[in-house]
Amino acid sequence: MDTELDNELPLNDYYELLGKDKKLHFESKPDVKNENTKEYLEFIQAKCLSNLNSLEHAPSVGITDFIVSDFYNHDNIEQN
């Protein structure tokens, strides 16, 4: 997509959780150490994939043109 997103976030139910900046894009802080271990990230990834696998999926339905007579008897349509 070639659309640039606005950095200003609209007010919403989670606005107070966004921190002090309340911006979409944030500046990285080189003085803050990344304390996420590889094992922890792999655990989170596995948990997310497990949750996705447990979601009920919707069946695939193709989009096709149809004619009303495909579903109804032509005689019944004229009676109504």
Foldseek 3Di string as FASTA:
>chain_A
DPDDDFQADDDDPCQVVPPDPNTPDDDDDPVDDDPDDPVNVVVVVVVVVVVVVPDDDDDDDDDDDDDPCVPDPPVVVVVD
